[in-house]
Amino acid sequence: MLKVFLLDDEKLIIDELKQIINWGKYGFQVIGWETNSRKAFVQIAKLKPHLVISDINMPNVNGLSLFERVREINPLINFCFLSAYDYFEYVQEALKLGAINYLKKPIDVDELILMLKRISDNFDEEFSEKLYEAAISRQYIEADPYFQSLFENNAFIKANQLYRIVTFSDFNSDYIDESKLSSKGFYLLYKEKRLHIYLVYECDLAYLSILNTKYNMAIGISEEFSDFFKVSNYFRFSRIAAYQSFITGKNEITIVSKNPKLEVLLSEINEASNIYELQMVISRLKERIVSYDIKCYDLQAVYRIVMFNFVKFGILPFDYKFEEISVINNYFDLDSFVKEMNSFFVENTNQTDDVSVIDSIKKEVENNISEHYSLSYFADNYHYNLSYLSQLFKKETGCSFTEYVTNVKMNVAKSLIINNGELSLSQISEQVGYKDYYHFSKMFKKINDESPSDYAKRNHMKI
């Protein structure tokens, strides 16, 4: 249940609020009250209610000042103010500061119930939005306190359970009976078209296996956990695991687990003593990934160690700054990823004018904005050594190939947001070549210092 704290300097008003409705019927519980605003601040900080209903005109510390102080320590707490008509100017100020509503005295029961229903109905959506913004804008580390607090402060999420995060990258409501995910229950964390992410209590793995086998559904399942200390990692790995088709070419059910063979593969790459040995290892990269049963969520580690060795052996210049790309979002499949890694060893036999080649590459990227081009594609087409072409592209454009492509895509996305009100943000994401809206939004925010939704709101687009 959602927790409510009541504050008014008149005890009669508090008693009336406590008795005026059946709070539990609407998913709320009154967990505390106070007539003194200074004491109330201490109680609110301790109890962390989801909603505070407070008189706006209080002695000592008035309602507005209390609201600002509480927001400094916990911005997730909602405030609703009580007001007589004489204090309407205060109400206007409260709404400007972010209060969700105000109720006039004497209190109208229907108005109170309507507000509670609105809070309850929107709570899933609000949590999902905060979770989503955290996922795309923060570093994924094992213990992210903000990400962790989102789960711990959500009244709908049960405490002290065995959890798994389950991602459907190919969700189909025709085939899924959500109630069968677990006999203990579940919580829908996020949904976007056919991407659904759940927090499931004591997950029924057998039922998920049936969904994959019978209906060919792609499912990623986190490790089991009992607290939210590393929840940002579980969330991220579950989502990536749902795209195991990147390696296998078919929808799979993938449970995240540690694979000791990953360390073997990384060691094989890292133990190459010269360029020739490294080339031999990379030439067998696909074979090793498949035979060692490497999962898509571990490809990032493979990419990092390969790029490190390219720098170590001078295949890339010592000061070359490779980007921390998302492998599954920047390559079409495992073959295209491995092909690019191998292409770094191709000798340069180019006889074409360098500048015109760069111009041609730029033009092709700009004219095919939905495509996911890699620089190795152009190295093959123009018979260039990949390392040389990479340095040449940066010299002529002032940025890396990946940076250039991202900037072009984001500029087109901004134009579509402003000029095409018929398209949703998800459709715009697809039009500029991003299958995963998470990744699109993360890159958009990195380039523009604001999320697509914020940019759309600022430009008056209907989302």
Protein backbone atom coordinates (compact mmCIF):
# COMPACT_ATOMS: atom_id res chain seq x y z
CA MET A 1 0.00 0.00 0.00
CA LEU A 2 0.98 3.61 -0.53
CA LYS A 3 1.84 5.44 2.69
CA VAL A 4 0.15 8.73 3.67
CA PHE A 5 1.20 11.29 6.30
CA LEU A 6 -1.27 13.93 7.55
CA LEU A 7 -0.33 17.39 8.82
CA ASP A 8 -2.60 20.15 10.13
CA ASP A 9 -2.37 22.40 13.17
CA GLU A 10 -6.01 21.54 13.95
CA LYS A 11 -6.39 18.03 15.38
CA LEU A 12 -10.05 18.00 14.33
CA ILE A 13 -9.04 18.26 10.66
CA ILE A 14 -6.63 15.34 11.04
CA ASP A 15 -9.31 13.22 12.75
CA GLU A 16 -11.71 14.07 9.95
CA LEU A 17 -9.16 13.08 7.29
CA LYS A 18 -8.45 9.76 9.00
CA GLN A 19 -12.16 8.86 9.14
CA ILE A 20 -13.54 10.51 6.00
CA ILE A 21 -12.85 7.53 3.70
CA ASN A 22 -11.68 3.91 3.80
CA TRP A 23 -8.04 4.56 2.82
CA GLY A 24 -7.23 0.88 2.31
CA LYS A 25 -9.97 0.55 -0.30
CA TYR A 26 -7.97 2.88 -2.56
CA GLY A 27 -4.57 1.34 -1.86
CA PHE A 28 -3.43 3.79 0.83
CA GLN A 29 -2.56 3.61 4.51
CA VAL A 30 -2.24 6.51 6.97
CA ILE A 31 1.08 5.84 8.70
CA GLY A 32 1.40 9.02 10.75
CA TRP A 33 0.14 12.50 11.57
CA GLU A 34 1.31 15.63 13.30
CA THR A 35 0.05 19.09 14.31
CA ASN A 36 3.51 20.64 14.54
CA SER A 37 5.31 21.21 11.23
CA ARG A 38 8.81 21.08 12.77
CA LYS A 39 8.10 17.67 14.32
CA ALA A 40 6.41 16.62 11.09
CA PHE A 41 9.62 17.13 9.11
CA VAL A 42 11.44 14.65 11.38
CA GLN A 43 8.63 12.09 11.04
CA ILE A 44 8.38 12.47 7.26
CA ALA A 45 12.14 12.01 6.86
CA LYS A 46 11.96 8.85 8.98
CA LEU A 47 8.75 7.26 7.61
CA LYS A 48 9.26 8.17 3.91
CA PRO A 49 5.56 8.37 2.98
CA HIS A 50 4.51 8.42 -0.66
CA LEU A 51 2.02 11.22 -0.03
CA VAL A 52 1.88 14.08 2.48
CA ILE A 53 -1.43 15.94 2.89
CA SER A 54 -0.61 19.19 4.65
CA ASP A 55 -2.28 22.43 5.63
CA ILE A 56 -0.60 25.22 3.68
CA ASN A 57 -0.83 27.86 6.44
CA MET A 58 1.02 26.43 9.44
CA PRO A 59 2.67 28.15 12.43
CA ASN A 60 6.45 27.77 12.88
CA VAL A 61 7.27 26.35 9.43
CA ASN A 62 4.54 26.89 6.82
CA GLY A 63 3.51 24.21 4.36
CA LEU A 64 5.50 25.63 1.44
CA SER A 65 8.75 25.80 3.41
CA LEU A 66 8.22 22.26 4.69
CA PHE A 67 7.57 21.07 1.13
CA GLU A 68 10.87 22.57 -0.09
CA ARG A 69 12.83 21.05 2.82
CA VAL A 70 11.33 17.59 2.27
CA ARG A 71 12.04 17.76 -1.47
CA GLU A 72 15.73 18.36 -0.68
CA ILE A 73 16.02 15.08 1.24
CA ASN A 74 13.56 12.97 -0.78
CA PRO A 75 12.24 14.23 -4.13
CA LEU A 76 10.02 11.12 -4.52
CA ILE A 77 7.55 12.26 -1.82
CA ASN A 78 4.34 13.78 -3.21
CA PHE A 79 2.61 16.74 -1.51
CA CYS A 80 -1.04 17.74 -1.54
CA PHE A 81 -2.02 20.93 0.31
CA LEU A 82 -5.17 21.84 2.19
CA SER A 83 -6.28 25.43 1.70
CA ALA A 84 -9.01 27.86 2.60
CA TYR A 85 -9.96 30.32 -0.13
CA ASP A 86 -8.07 33.07 1.69
CA TYR A 87 -4.77 31.36 0.86
CA PHE A 88 -5.26 30.62 -2.82
CA GLU A 89 -2.13 32.60 -3.77
CA TYR A 90 -0.13 30.15 -1.66
CA VAL A 91 -1.73 27.26 -3.52
CA GLN A 92 -0.61 28.71 -6.85
CA GLU A 93 2.94 28.92 -5.50
CA ALA A 94 2.76 25.33 -4.23
CA LEU A 95 1.70 24.02 -7.63
CA LYS A 96 4.56 25.91 -9.26
CA LEU A 97 6.99 24.21 -6.86
CA GLY A 98 5.67 20.76 -7.84
CA ALA A 99 2.81 19.91 -5.48
CA ILE A 100 0.47 17.40 -7.11
CA ASN A 101 -2.81 18.96 -5.94
CA TYR A 102 -4.64 21.02 -3.36
CA LEU A 103 -7.95 20.40 -1.57
CA LYS A 104 -10.20 23.17 -0.36
CA LYS A 105 -11.55 23.21 3.18
CA PRO A 106 -14.06 21.85 4.01
CA ILE A 107 -12.80 18.68 2.32
CA ASP A 108 -14.84 17.24 -0.54
CA VAL A 109 -14.79 13.42 -0.29
CA ASP A 110 -15.20 12.85 -4.02
CA GLU A 111 -12.35 15.24 -4.77
CA LEU A 112 -10.09 13.43 -2.30
CA ILE A 113 -10.94 10.01 -3.78
CA LEU A 114 -10.37 11.30 -7.32
CA MET A 115 -6.89 12.51 -6.34
CA LEU A 116 -6.01 9.18 -4.69
CA LYS A 117 -7.16 7.23 -7.75
CA ARG A 118 -5.05 9.45 -9.99
CA ILE A 119 -1.98 8.91 -7.81
CA SER A 120 -2.56 5.14 -7.68
CA ASP A 121 -3.27 4.82 -11.41
CA ASN A 122 -0.17 6.79 -12.36
CA PHE A 123 2.17 5.23 -9.84
CA ASP A 124 3.30 2.40 -12.14
CA GLU A 125 3.85 4.84 -14.96
CA GLU A 126 5.76 7.26 -12.72
CA PHE A 127 8.01 4.51 -11.37
CA SER A 128 8.60 3.14 -14.86
CA GLU A 129 9.59 6.58 -16.14
CA LYS A 130 12.03 7.15 -13.27
CA LEU A 131 13.48 3.68 -13.70
CA TYR A 132 13.87 4.25 -17.43
CA GLU A 133 15.54 7.65 -17.00
CA ALA A 134 17.93 6.13 -14.46
CA ALA A 135 18.75 3.25 -16.80
CA ILE A 136 19.68 5.46 -19.76
CA SER A 137 21.40 8.32 -17.96
CA ARG A 138 23.49 6.72 -15.22
CA GLN A 139 26.58 4.52 -15.21
CA TYR A 140 25.74 0.85 -14.65
CA ILE A 141 27.67 -0.09 -11.56
CA GLU A 142 27.02 -2.94 -9.17
CA ALA A 143 25.60 -0.73 -6.41
CA ASP A 144 23.79 2.30 -7.77
CA PRO A 145 22.09 3.88 -4.73
CA TYR A 146 19.55 5.86 -6.78
CA PHE A 147 18.51 2.84 -8.87
CA GLN A 148 18.33 0.77 -5.69
CA SER A 149 16.19 3.36 -3.90
CA LEU A 150 13.60 3.35 -6.71
CA PHE A 151 12.82 -0.28 -5.90
CA GLU A 152 13.02 0.05 -2.13
CA ASN A 153 10.68 3.07 -2.06
CA ASN A 154 8.00 1.54 -4.29
CA ALA A 155 5.09 0.48 -2.09
CA PHE A 156 3.83 -2.02 -4.67
CA ILE A 157 7.07 -4.04 -4.63
CA LYS A 158 7.17 -6.73 -1.97
CA ALA A 159 10.15 -6.90 0.36
CA ASN A 160 12.18 -9.96 1.36
CA GLN A 161 11.41 -12.10 -1.68
CA LEU A 162 13.45 -14.09 -4.17
CA TYR A 163 13.44 -11.99 -7.32
CA ARG A 164 14.33 -12.30 -10.98
CA ILE A 165 14.06 -9.60 -13.62
CA VAL A 166 12.51 -11.02 -16.79
CA THR A 167 12.66 -9.24 -20.15
CA PHE A 168 10.53 -10.12 -23.17
CA SER A 169 12.05 -8.49 -26.25
CA ASP A 170 9.29 -10.02 -28.36
CA PHE A 171 6.27 -9.71 -26.05
CA ASN A 172 2.94 -10.94 -27.36
CA SER A 173 -0.09 -10.57 -25.08
CA ASP A 174 -1.97 -13.20 -27.13
CA TYR A 175 0.34 -15.92 -25.82
CA ILE A 176 1.24 -14.80 -22.30
CA ASP A 177 -0.85 -15.36 -19.20
CA GLU A 178 0.94 -12.97 -16.84
CA SER A 179 -0.53 -14.67 -13.77
CA LYS A 180 1.49 -17.80 -14.61
CA LEU A 181 4.83 -16.01 -14.38
CA SER A 182 4.85 -16.85 -10.68
CA SER A 183 2.49 -18.08 -7.99
CA LYS A 184 3.95 -15.36 -5.74
CA GLY A 185 3.24 -12.46 -8.11
CA PHE A 186 5.08 -9.99 -10.30
CA TYR A 187 5.49 -6.27 -10.96
CA LEU A 188 5.63 -4.70 -14.42
CA LEU A 189 8.71 -2.46 -14.43
CA TYR A 190 8.70 -1.13 -17.98
CA LYS A 191 6.94 -1.60 -21.30
CA GLU A 192 7.59 -0.20 -24.75
CA LYS A 193 5.79 -1.79 -27.71
CA ARG A 194 6.87 -5.44 -27.56
CA LEU A 195 9.55 -4.88 -24.90
CA HIS A 196 8.21 -5.78 -21.44
CA ILE A 197 10.36 -5.99 -18.30
CA TYR A 198 9.05 -7.59 -15.09
CA LEU A 199 10.22 -8.05 -11.53
CA VAL A 200 9.00 -11.60 -10.77
CA TYR A 201 8.79 -13.21 -7.34
CA GLU A 202 10.04 -16.83 -7.35
CA CYS A 203 9.86 -17.01 -11.12
CA ASP A 204 8.30 -20.04 -12.83
CA LEU A 205 11.14 -20.94 -15.21
CA ALA A 206 9.20 -23.91 -16.60
CA TYR A 207 6.40 -21.64 -17.81
CA LEU A 208 8.90 -19.29 -19.46
CA SER A 209 10.50 -22.26 -21.17
CA ILE A 210 7.10 -23.23 -22.59
CA LEU A 211 6.61 -19.69 -23.93
CA ASN A 212 9.94 -19.89 -25.72
CA THR A 213 9.44 -23.41 -27.06
CA LYS A 214 5.79 -23.13 -28.05
CA TYR A 215 5.60 -19.51 -29.20
CA ASN A 216 9.22 -18.73 -30.12
CA MET A 217 9.44 -15.87 -27.64
CA ALA A 218 12.77 -14.18 -26.85
CA ILE A 219 13.25 -13.99 -23.07
CA GLY A 220 16.14 -12.74 -20.92
CA ILE A 221 16.19 -13.74 -17.24
CA SER A 222 18.46 -12.30 -14.57
CA GLU A 223 20.18 -14.24 -11.83
CA GLU A 224 18.03 -14.74 -8.74
CA PHE A 225 18.53 -12.15 -5.99
CA SER A 226 17.00 -11.28 -2.62
CA ASP A 227 17.80 -7.59 -2.22
CA PHE A 228 18.20 -4.59 -4.48
CA PHE A 229 21.88 -3.85 -3.87
CA LYS A 230 22.92 -4.83 -7.42
CA VAL A 231 19.55 -4.31 -9.10
CA SER A 232 20.95 -2.02 -11.81
CA ASN A 233 23.15 -4.90 -13.01
CA TYR A 234 20.31 -7.43 -12.92
CA PHE A 235 18.12 -5.02 -14.87
CA ARG A 236 20.73 -4.36 -17.56
CA PHE A 237 21.85 -7.99 -18.01
CA SER A 238 18.27 -9.26 -18.22
CA ARG A 239 17.51 -6.79 -21.00
CA ILE A 240 20.62 -7.67 -23.02
CA ALA A 241 20.07 -11.41 -22.50
CA ALA A 242 16.74 -11.13 -24.32
CA TYR A 243 18.71 -10.47 -27.52
CA GLN A 244 20.67 -13.75 -27.63
CA SER A 245 19.48 -14.07 -31.23
CA PHE A 246 22.37 -11.72 -32.04
CA ILE A 247 24.65 -14.76 -31.63
CA THR A 248 22.41 -17.71 -32.45
CA GLY A 249 20.05 -16.21 -35.04
CA LYS A 250 16.95 -17.47 -33.22
CA ASN A 251 14.77 -16.38 -30.30
CA GLU A 252 15.96 -18.03 -27.09
CA ILE A 253 15.34 -18.12 -23.38
CA THR A 254 18.58 -16.96 -21.75
CA ILE A 255 19.25 -17.06 -18.02
CA VAL A 256 22.12 -14.82 -16.94
CA SER A 257 24.94 -16.71 -15.25
CA LYS A 258 28.70 -16.55 -14.95
CA ASN A 259 30.52 -18.48 -17.68
CA PRO A 260 34.07 -19.59 -16.73
CA LYS A 261 34.83 -20.03 -20.46
CA LEU A 262 34.58 -16.24 -20.87
CA GLU A 263 37.79 -15.82 -18.88
CA VAL A 264 39.40 -18.49 -21.05
CA LEU A 265 38.50 -16.58 -24.23
CA LEU A 266 39.70 -13.26 -22.82
CA SER A 267 42.98 -14.87 -21.78
CA GLU A 268 43.47 -16.36 -25.26
CA ILE A 269 43.12 -12.90 -26.78
CA ASN A 270 45.24 -11.18 -24.17
CA GLU A 271 48.06 -13.74 -24.26
CA ALA A 272 48.91 -13.15 -27.95
CA SER A 273 52.58 -12.11 -28.03
CA ASN A 274 52.60 -10.49 -31.49
CA ILE A 275 50.30 -9.28 -34.26
CA TYR A 276 50.40 -12.63 -36.08
CA GLU A 277 49.25 -14.54 -32.98
CA LEU A 278 46.56 -11.96 -32.33
CA GLN A 279 45.34 -12.28 -35.91
CA MET A 280 45.13 -16.07 -35.53
CA VAL A 281 43.07 -15.70 -32.35
CA ILE A 282 40.72 -13.11 -33.89
CA SER A 283 40.29 -15.24 -37.03
CA ARG A 284 38.79 -17.93 -34.79
CA LEU A 285 36.73 -15.50 -32.71
CA LYS A 286 33.29 -16.61 -33.93
CA GLU A 287 34.20 -20.27 -33.53
CA ARG A 288 35.37 -19.62 -29.95
CA ILE A 289 32.30 -17.54 -29.02
CA VAL A 290 29.98 -20.31 -30.20
CA SER A 291 31.94 -23.27 -28.78
CA TYR A 292 32.44 -21.54 -25.41
CA ASP A 293 28.72 -20.70 -25.30
CA ILE A 294 29.42 -16.99 -24.80
CA LYS A 295 26.22 -15.02 -24.24
CA CYS A 296 25.36 -11.66 -25.75
CA TYR A 297 25.68 -9.87 -22.39
CA ASP A 298 29.38 -10.89 -22.30
CA LEU A 299 30.27 -9.56 -25.77
CA GLN A 300 31.07 -6.16 -24.31
CA ALA A 301 33.98 -7.68 -22.40
CA VAL A 302 35.20 -9.42 -25.57
CA TYR A 303 35.05 -6.15 -27.53
CA ARG A 304 37.02 -4.27 -24.86
CA ILE A 305 39.86 -6.79 -24.71
CA VAL A 306 40.14 -6.99 -28.53
CA MET A 307 40.36 -3.21 -28.87
CA PHE A 308 42.90 -3.02 -26.07
CA ASN A 309 45.14 -5.46 -27.93
CA PHE A 310 44.76 -3.56 -31.20
CA VAL A 311 46.18 -0.52 -29.40
CA LYS A 312 48.84 -2.60 -27.64
CA PHE A 313 50.23 -3.96 -30.92
CA GLY A 314 50.00 -0.68 -32.83
CA ILE A 315 47.18 -1.76 -35.12
CA LEU A 316 45.47 1.31 -33.72
CA PRO A 317 47.49 4.36 -32.63
CA PHE A 318 48.46 4.57 -28.95
CA ASP A 319 46.22 7.60 -28.37
CA TYR A 320 43.25 6.03 -30.17
CA LYS A 321 40.12 6.43 -28.05
CA PHE A 322 37.70 3.65 -28.91
CA GLU A 323 34.13 4.20 -27.76
CA GLU A 324 32.38 1.99 -25.24
CA ILE A 325 29.84 0.89 -27.84
CA SER A 326 26.95 -1.48 -27.33
CA VAL A 327 27.85 -4.52 -29.43
CA ILE A 328 24.29 -5.75 -29.94
CA ASN A 329 23.10 -2.28 -30.97
CA ASN A 330 26.00 -1.34 -33.24
CA TYR A 331 26.29 -4.57 -35.23
CA PHE A 332 23.65 -6.52 -37.10
CA ASP A 333 24.69 -9.92 -35.78
CA LEU A 334 27.70 -11.91 -34.59
CA ASP A 335 29.02 -12.31 -38.15
CA SER A 336 29.14 -8.55 -38.74
CA PHE A 337 30.85 -8.01 -35.37
CA VAL A 338 33.51 -10.65 -35.99
CA LYS A 339 34.02 -9.48 -39.58
CA GLU A 340 34.84 -5.98 -38.41
CA MET A 341 37.27 -7.25 -35.77
CA ASN A 342 39.07 -9.28 -38.46
CA SER A 343 39.06 -6.42 -40.96
CA PHE A 344 41.60 -4.51 -38.86
CA PHE A 345 44.23 -6.84 -40.32
CA VAL A 346 43.36 -6.18 -44.00
CA GLU A 347 46.18 -4.46 -45.91
CA ASN A 348 45.51 -1.10 -47.51
CA THR A 349 45.62 -1.29 -51.35
CA ASN A 350 43.72 1.92 -51.96
CA GLN A 351 44.57 4.11 -54.91
CA THR A 352 41.55 6.45 -54.67
CA ASP A 353 41.66 10.04 -53.53
CA ASP A 354 41.26 10.04 -49.74
CA VAL A 355 39.11 13.16 -49.42
CA SER A 356 36.59 12.05 -52.06
CA VAL A 357 36.29 8.68 -50.31
CA ILE A 358 35.43 10.38 -47.01
CA ASP A 359 32.88 12.57 -48.80
CA SER A 360 31.32 9.49 -50.37
CA ILE A 361 31.11 7.76 -47.01
CA LYS A 362 29.45 10.78 -45.41
CA LYS A 363 26.94 11.04 -48.24
CA GLU A 364 25.99 7.37 -48.03
CA VAL A 365 25.48 7.61 -44.27
CA GLU A 366 23.31 10.73 -44.62
CA ASN A 367 21.20 9.21 -47.41
CA ASN A 368 20.55 5.94 -45.56
CA ILE A 369 19.85 7.13 -42.04
CA SER A 370 18.07 3.95 -40.91
CA GLU A 371 21.04 1.72 -41.76
CA HIS A 372 23.58 0.54 -39.17
CA TYR A 373 26.83 1.09 -41.05
CA SER A 374 30.16 0.01 -39.64
CA LEU A 375 33.43 1.49 -40.80
CA SER A 376 34.60 -1.97 -41.90
CA TYR A 377 31.77 -1.98 -44.47
CA PHE A 378 33.32 1.08 -46.13
CA ALA A 379 36.85 -0.27 -45.67
CA ASP A 380 35.80 -3.33 -47.68
CA ASN A 381 34.01 -1.28 -50.34
CA TYR A 382 36.90 1.12 -50.91
CA HIS A 383 39.69 -1.40 -50.25
CA TYR A 384 41.13 0.46 -47.28
CA ASN A 385 42.91 -0.77 -44.22
CA LEU A 386 40.40 -0.24 -41.41
CA SER A 387 42.89 1.38 -39.05
CA TYR A 388 44.06 3.81 -41.73
CA LEU A 389 40.50 4.67 -42.78
CA SER A 390 39.55 5.28 -39.15
CA GLN A 391 42.40 7.76 -38.69
CA LEU A 392 41.70 9.38 -42.07
CA PHE A 393 38.01 9.83 -41.27
CA LYS A 394 38.80 11.51 -37.96
CA LYS A 395 41.38 13.76 -39.62
CA GLU A 396 38.91 14.93 -42.29
CA THR A 397 35.80 15.26 -40.09
CA GLY A 398 37.21 16.04 -36.66
CA CYS A 399 35.43 13.12 -35.05
CA SER A 400 35.37 9.33 -35.13
CA PHE A 401 33.15 7.47 -37.59
CA THR A 402 30.85 6.32 -34.77
CA GLU A 403 30.54 9.87 -33.42
CA TYR A 404 29.75 11.17 -36.90
CA VAL A 405 27.03 8.57 -37.55
CA THR A 406 25.49 9.17 -34.11
CA ASN A 407 25.45 12.95 -34.62
CA VAL A 408 23.81 12.60 -38.04
CA LYS A 409 21.15 10.26 -36.65
CA MET A 410 20.43 12.52 -33.68
CA ASN A 411 20.13 15.61 -35.88
CA VAL A 412 17.61 13.81 -38.06
CA ALA A 413 15.77 12.63 -34.92
CA LYS A 414 15.54 16.21 -33.63
CA SER A 415 14.19 17.35 -36.98
CA LEU A 416 11.55 14.59 -36.95
CA ILE A 417 10.52 15.46 -33.40
CA ILE A 418 9.99 19.10 -34.33
CA ASN A 419 8.52 18.73 -37.81
CA ASN A 420 6.57 15.45 -37.79
CA GLY A 421 3.96 15.40 -35.06
CA GLU A 422 2.41 12.17 -36.37
CA LEU A 423 5.34 10.00 -35.30
CA SER A 424 5.86 8.72 -31.76
CA LEU A 425 9.32 8.78 -30.21
CA SER A 426 9.56 5.00 -30.69
CA GLN A 427 8.77 5.36 -34.40
CA ILE A 428 11.37 8.11 -34.71
CA SER A 429 13.87 5.84 -32.98
CA GLU A 430 13.23 3.14 -35.60
CA GLN A 431 13.42 5.60 -38.50
CA VAL A 432 16.95 6.61 -37.52
CA GLY A 433 18.02 3.00 -37.16
CA TYR A 434 17.64 2.12 -33.47
CA LYS A 435 15.70 -1.05 -32.75
CA ASP A 436 16.13 -0.59 -29.01
CA TYR A 437 14.51 2.63 -27.72
CA TYR A 438 16.65 2.45 -24.55
CA HIS A 439 19.82 2.82 -26.60
CA PHE A 440 18.37 5.57 -28.79
CA SER A 441 17.34 7.62 -25.77
CA LYS A 442 20.71 7.12 -24.10
CA MET A 443 22.57 8.35 -27.17
CA PHE A 444 20.13 11.24 -27.69
CA LYS A 445 20.68 12.42 -24.13
CA LYS A 446 24.45 12.04 -24.45
CA ILE A 447 24.49 14.27 -27.54
CA ASN A 448 21.80 16.79 -26.58
CA ASP A 449 22.03 16.87 -22.76
CA GLU A 450 18.32 16.01 -22.48
CA SER A 451 16.15 13.00 -23.14
CA PRO A 452 13.98 12.72 -26.28
CA SER A 453 10.84 13.11 -24.17
CA ASP A 454 12.16 16.32 -22.58
CA TYR A 455 13.19 17.64 -25.99
CA ALA A 456 9.75 16.78 -27.38
CA LYS A 457 7.99 18.51 -24.49
CA ARG A 458 10.17 21.60 -24.92
CA ASN A 459 9.20 21.67 -28.60
CA HIS A 460 5.51 21.11 -27.89
CA MET A 461 5.32 17.62 -29.42
CA LYS A 462 2.56 15.29 -28.26
CA ILE A 463 4.22 12.20 -26.80
